[in-house]
Amino acid sequence: MAATPLDREAILKAVEELPPAEQLQVAQQIMRTYLAGSGLPQQSRPAPWVSWRTLAGIALGSSQTPPTESQIAEWLDERRMKEAD
């Protein structure tokens, strides 16, 4: 059953009142539910959502040296292995 616009507005308002971490958990659960029933093959699914706060942290940098190309490739391989399970 599709939600009416009023229902959607109430849902959005309730989510906006949650702390940011819980908002993210709700959004992730909605995406998991959508993807589980979407029938989309794994490779055509949208990339995981990244918050602007995460991106801002990356942009601001840190004292750590950036990862090497081989480290990034290793991390991507590990992630693909986890997703294949």
N, C-alpha and C. Protein backbone atom coordinates (compact mmCIF):
# COMPACT_ATOMS: atom_id res chain seq x y z
N MET A 1 0.84 -1.16 0.00
CA MET A 1 0.00 0.00 0.00
C MET A 1 0.90 1.24 0.00
N ALA A 2 0.64 2.16 -0.90
CA ALA A 2 1.44 3.38 -1.01
C ALA A 2 1.01 4.38 0.06
N ALA A 3 1.97 5.08 0.59
CA ALA A 3 1.68 6.09 1.60
C ALA A 3 1.11 7.34 0.93
N THR A 4 0.17 7.98 1.57
CA THR A 4 -0.35 9.23 1.05
C THR A 4 0.66 10.34 1.33
N PRO A 5 0.59 11.45 0.60
CA PRO A 5 1.54 12.55 0.87
C PRO A 5 1.53 13.00 2.33
N LEU A 6 0.38 13.01 2.96
CA LEU A 6 0.31 13.40 4.37
C LEU A 6 1.10 12.42 5.23
N ASP A 7 0.96 11.13 4.93
CA ASP A 7 1.72 10.13 5.67
C ASP A 7 3.22 10.33 5.48
N ARG A 8 3.63 10.61 4.25
CA ARG A 8 5.05 10.83 3.97
C ARG A 8 5.57 12.02 4.76
N GLU A 9 4.81 13.08 4.78
CA GLU A 9 5.23 14.27 5.51
C GLU A 9 5.38 13.97 7.01
N ALA A 10 4.46 13.20 7.56
CA ALA A 10 4.55 12.83 8.97
C ALA A 10 5.79 11.97 9.22
N ILE A 11 6.06 11.07 8.31
CA ILE A 11 7.24 10.21 8.43
C ILE A 11 8.51 11.05 8.37
N LEU A 12 8.59 11.95 7.37
CA LEU A 12 9.77 12.80 7.23
C LEU A 12 9.97 13.67 8.47
N LYS A 13 8.90 14.22 8.99
CA LYS A 13 8.99 15.06 10.19
C LYS A 13 9.52 14.24 11.37
N ALA A 14 9.00 13.02 11.52
CA ALA A 14 9.45 12.16 12.62
C ALA A 14 10.93 11.81 12.46
N VAL A 15 11.37 11.54 11.25
CA VAL A 15 12.77 11.20 11.01
C VAL A 15 13.65 12.41 11.27
N GLU A 16 13.20 13.59 10.86
CA GLU A 16 14.00 14.81 11.07
C GLU A 16 14.21 15.10 12.55
N GLU A 17 13.33 14.63 13.39
CA GLU A 17 13.45 14.87 14.83
C GLU A 17 14.44 13.91 15.49
N LEU A 18 14.87 12.88 14.78
CA LEU A 18 15.84 11.93 15.32
C LEU A 18 17.24 12.52 15.27
N PRO A 19 18.14 12.01 16.12
CA PRO A 19 19.55 12.42 16.03
C PRO A 19 20.11 11.98 14.66
N PRO A 20 21.12 12.66 14.15
CA PRO A 20 21.67 12.33 12.82
C PRO A 20 22.04 10.86 12.64
N ALA A 21 22.63 10.25 13.65
CA ALA A 21 23.03 8.84 13.52
C ALA A 21 21.81 7.94 13.31
N GLU A 22 20.72 8.23 14.01
CA GLU A 22 19.50 7.43 13.85
C GLU A 22 18.84 7.72 12.50
N GLN A 23 18.93 8.97 12.03
CA GLN A 23 18.40 9.29 10.70
C GLN A 23 19.10 8.44 9.65
N LEU A 24 20.41 8.32 9.78
CA LEU A 24 21.19 7.52 8.84
C LEU A 24 20.77 6.05 8.91
N GLN A 25 20.56 5.53 10.11
CA GLN A 25 20.13 4.14 10.26
C GLN A 25 18.78 3.91 9.59
N VAL A 26 17.86 4.85 9.74
CA VAL A 26 16.54 4.73 9.12
C VAL A 26 16.70 4.72 7.60
N ALA A 27 17.50 5.65 7.08
CA ALA A 27 17.72 5.73 5.63
C ALA A 27 18.34 4.44 5.10
N GLN A 28 19.32 3.91 5.82
CA GLN A 28 19.97 2.67 5.39
C GLN A 28 18.99 1.50 5.40
N GLN A 29 18.12 1.44 6.41
CA GLN A 29 17.15 0.36 6.47
C GLN A 29 16.16 0.47 5.31
N ILE A 30 15.76 1.68 4.99
CA ILE A 30 14.85 1.87 3.84
C ILE A 30 15.52 1.38 2.57
N MET A 31 16.79 1.73 2.37
CA MET A 31 17.50 1.29 1.17
C MET A 31 17.67 -0.23 1.14
N ARG A 32 17.99 -0.84 2.30
CA ARG A 32 18.11 -2.31 2.33
C ARG A 32 16.79 -2.97 1.96
N THR A 33 15.70 -2.43 2.50
CA THR A 33 14.38 -2.98 2.20
C THR A 33 14.07 -2.83 0.72
N TYR A 34 14.36 -1.65 0.17
CA TYR A 34 14.12 -1.41 -1.26
C TYR A 34 14.95 -2.36 -2.12
N LEU A 35 16.24 -2.45 -1.83
CA LEU A 35 17.12 -3.27 -2.66
C LEU A 35 16.79 -4.76 -2.55
N ALA A 36 16.37 -5.19 -1.39
CA ALA A 36 16.03 -6.61 -1.20
C ALA A 36 14.86 -7.00 -2.09
N GLY A 37 13.92 -6.10 -2.30
CA GLY A 37 12.75 -6.42 -3.11
C GLY A 37 12.80 -5.87 -4.51
N SER A 38 13.91 -5.23 -4.88
CA SER A 38 13.97 -4.56 -6.18
C SER A 38 14.20 -5.52 -7.33
N GLY A 39 14.83 -6.65 -7.06
CA GLY A 39 15.16 -7.59 -8.13
C GLY A 39 16.33 -7.12 -8.97
N LEU A 40 16.98 -6.03 -8.57
CA LEU A 40 18.13 -5.54 -9.33
C LEU A 40 19.33 -6.44 -9.09
N PRO A 41 20.08 -6.75 -10.14
CA PRO A 41 21.32 -7.50 -9.92
C PRO A 41 22.29 -6.64 -9.11
N GLN A 42 23.19 -7.29 -8.40
CA GLN A 42 24.12 -6.60 -7.50
C GLN A 42 24.85 -5.46 -8.18
N GLN A 43 25.38 -5.67 -9.40
CA GLN A 43 26.19 -4.65 -10.04
C GLN A 43 25.39 -3.43 -10.50
N SER A 44 24.06 -3.54 -10.63
CA SER A 44 23.29 -2.39 -11.06
C SER A 44 22.65 -1.64 -9.89
N ARG A 45 22.91 -2.07 -8.69
CA ARG A 45 22.36 -1.38 -7.52
C ARG A 45 23.11 -0.07 -7.30
N PRO A 46 22.42 0.91 -6.76
CA PRO A 46 23.10 2.18 -6.50
C PRO A 46 24.22 2.02 -5.47
N ALA A 47 25.21 2.87 -5.57
CA ALA A 47 26.32 2.84 -4.62
C ALA A 47 25.81 3.21 -3.24
N PRO A 48 26.45 2.71 -2.19
CA PRO A 48 26.03 3.07 -0.84
C PRO A 48 26.06 4.58 -0.65
N TRP A 49 25.11 5.07 0.11
CA TRP A 49 25.00 6.50 0.35
C TRP A 49 26.06 6.93 1.36
N VAL A 50 26.67 8.06 1.08
CA VAL A 50 27.66 8.63 1.99
C VAL A 50 27.17 10.00 2.40
N SER A 51 27.17 10.27 3.70
CA SER A 51 26.67 11.55 4.19
C SER A 51 27.63 12.68 3.84
N TRP A 52 27.10 13.88 3.82
CA TRP A 52 27.94 15.05 3.55
C TRP A 52 28.94 15.26 4.68
N ARG A 53 28.58 14.80 5.88
CA ARG A 53 29.51 14.95 7.00
C ARG A 53 30.76 14.09 6.77
N THR A 54 30.55 12.91 6.24
CA THR A 54 31.68 12.03 5.93
C THR A 54 32.55 12.66 4.86
N LEU A 55 31.90 13.17 3.82
CA LEU A 55 32.66 13.80 2.74
C LEU A 55 33.40 15.05 3.22
N ALA A 56 32.77 15.81 4.10
CA ALA A 56 33.43 16.99 4.64
C ALA A 56 34.67 16.59 5.43
N GLY A 57 34.57 15.50 6.18
CA GLY A 57 35.73 15.01 6.93
C GLY A 57 36.87 14.62 6.00
N ILE A 58 36.53 14.03 4.87
CA ILE A 58 37.55 13.64 3.90
C ILE A 58 38.19 14.90 3.31
N ALA A 59 37.34 15.88 2.98
CA ALA A 59 37.84 17.11 2.36
C ALA A 59 38.75 17.89 3.30
N LEU A 60 38.43 17.87 4.60
CA LEU A 60 39.24 18.62 5.55
C LEU A 60 40.59 17.97 5.79
N GLY A 61 40.66 16.70 5.48
CA GLY A 61 41.93 16.00 5.61
C GLY A 61 42.26 15.63 7.04
N SER A 62 43.38 14.99 7.19
CA SER A 62 43.85 14.61 8.51
C SER A 62 45.37 14.52 8.46
N SER A 63 45.93 14.19 9.58
CA SER A 63 47.40 14.08 9.64
C SER A 63 47.89 12.74 9.07
N GLN A 64 46.97 11.86 8.77
CA GLN A 64 47.35 10.56 8.21
C GLN A 64 47.74 10.72 6.75
N THR A 65 48.67 9.87 6.32
CA THR A 65 49.02 9.87 4.91
C THR A 65 47.90 9.19 4.13
N PRO A 66 47.65 9.63 2.92
CA PRO A 66 46.58 9.01 2.13
C PRO A 66 46.94 7.57 1.79
N PRO A 67 45.91 6.73 1.59
CA PRO A 67 46.20 5.33 1.25
C PRO A 67 46.83 5.22 -0.15
N THR A 68 47.59 4.17 -0.32
CA THR A 68 48.19 3.92 -1.63
C THR A 68 47.16 3.27 -2.55
N GLU A 69 47.47 3.27 -3.83
CA GLU A 69 46.58 2.63 -4.81
C GLU A 69 46.38 1.15 -4.47
N SER A 70 47.44 0.49 -4.04
CA SER A 70 47.32 -0.94 -3.72
C SER A 70 46.45 -1.17 -2.48
N GLN A 71 46.53 -0.26 -1.49
CA GLN A 71 45.66 -0.38 -0.32
C GLN A 71 44.20 -0.21 -0.71
N ILE A 72 43.93 0.78 -1.55
CA ILE A 72 42.56 1.01 -2.00
C ILE A 72 42.05 -0.20 -2.76
N ALA A 73 42.86 -0.74 -3.65
CA ALA A 73 42.46 -1.93 -4.42
C ALA A 73 42.17 -3.09 -3.48
N GLU A 74 42.98 -3.26 -2.45
CA GLU A 74 42.78 -4.33 -1.47
C GLU A 74 41.46 -4.13 -0.72
N TRP A 75 41.18 -2.89 -0.30
CA TRP A 75 39.93 -2.61 0.41
C TRP A 75 38.72 -2.88 -0.47
N LEU A 76 38.83 -2.50 -1.75
CA LEU A 76 37.71 -2.75 -2.67
C LEU A 76 37.49 -4.24 -2.88
N ASP A 77 38.58 -4.99 -2.99
CA ASP A 77 38.46 -6.44 -3.13
C ASP A 77 37.82 -7.06 -1.90
N GLU A 78 38.23 -6.60 -0.71
CA GLU A 78 37.64 -7.12 0.53
C GLU A 78 36.14 -6.82 0.58
N ARG A 79 35.77 -5.63 0.18
CA ARG A 79 34.35 -5.25 0.19
C ARG A 79 33.55 -6.11 -0.79
N ARG A 80 34.11 -6.34 -1.96
CA ARG A 80 33.42 -7.18 -2.96
C ARG A 80 33.25 -8.60 -2.42
N MET A 81 34.27 -9.09 -1.72
CA MET A 81 34.18 -10.44 -1.16
C MET A 81 33.06 -10.51 -0.12
N LYS A 82 32.95 -9.47 0.73
CA LYS A 82 31.89 -9.44 1.75
C LYS A 82 30.53 -9.37 1.11
N GLU A 83 30.39 -8.56 0.05
CA GLU A 83 29.10 -8.41 -0.62
C GLU A 83 28.70 -9.68 -1.35
N ALA A 84 29.68 -10.47 -1.77
CA ALA A 84 29.38 -11.71 -2.50
C ALA A 84 28.84 -12.79 -1.56
N ASP A 85 29.12 -12.65 -0.27
CA ASP A 85 28.67 -13.67 0.71
C ASP A 85 27.20 -13.62 0.93
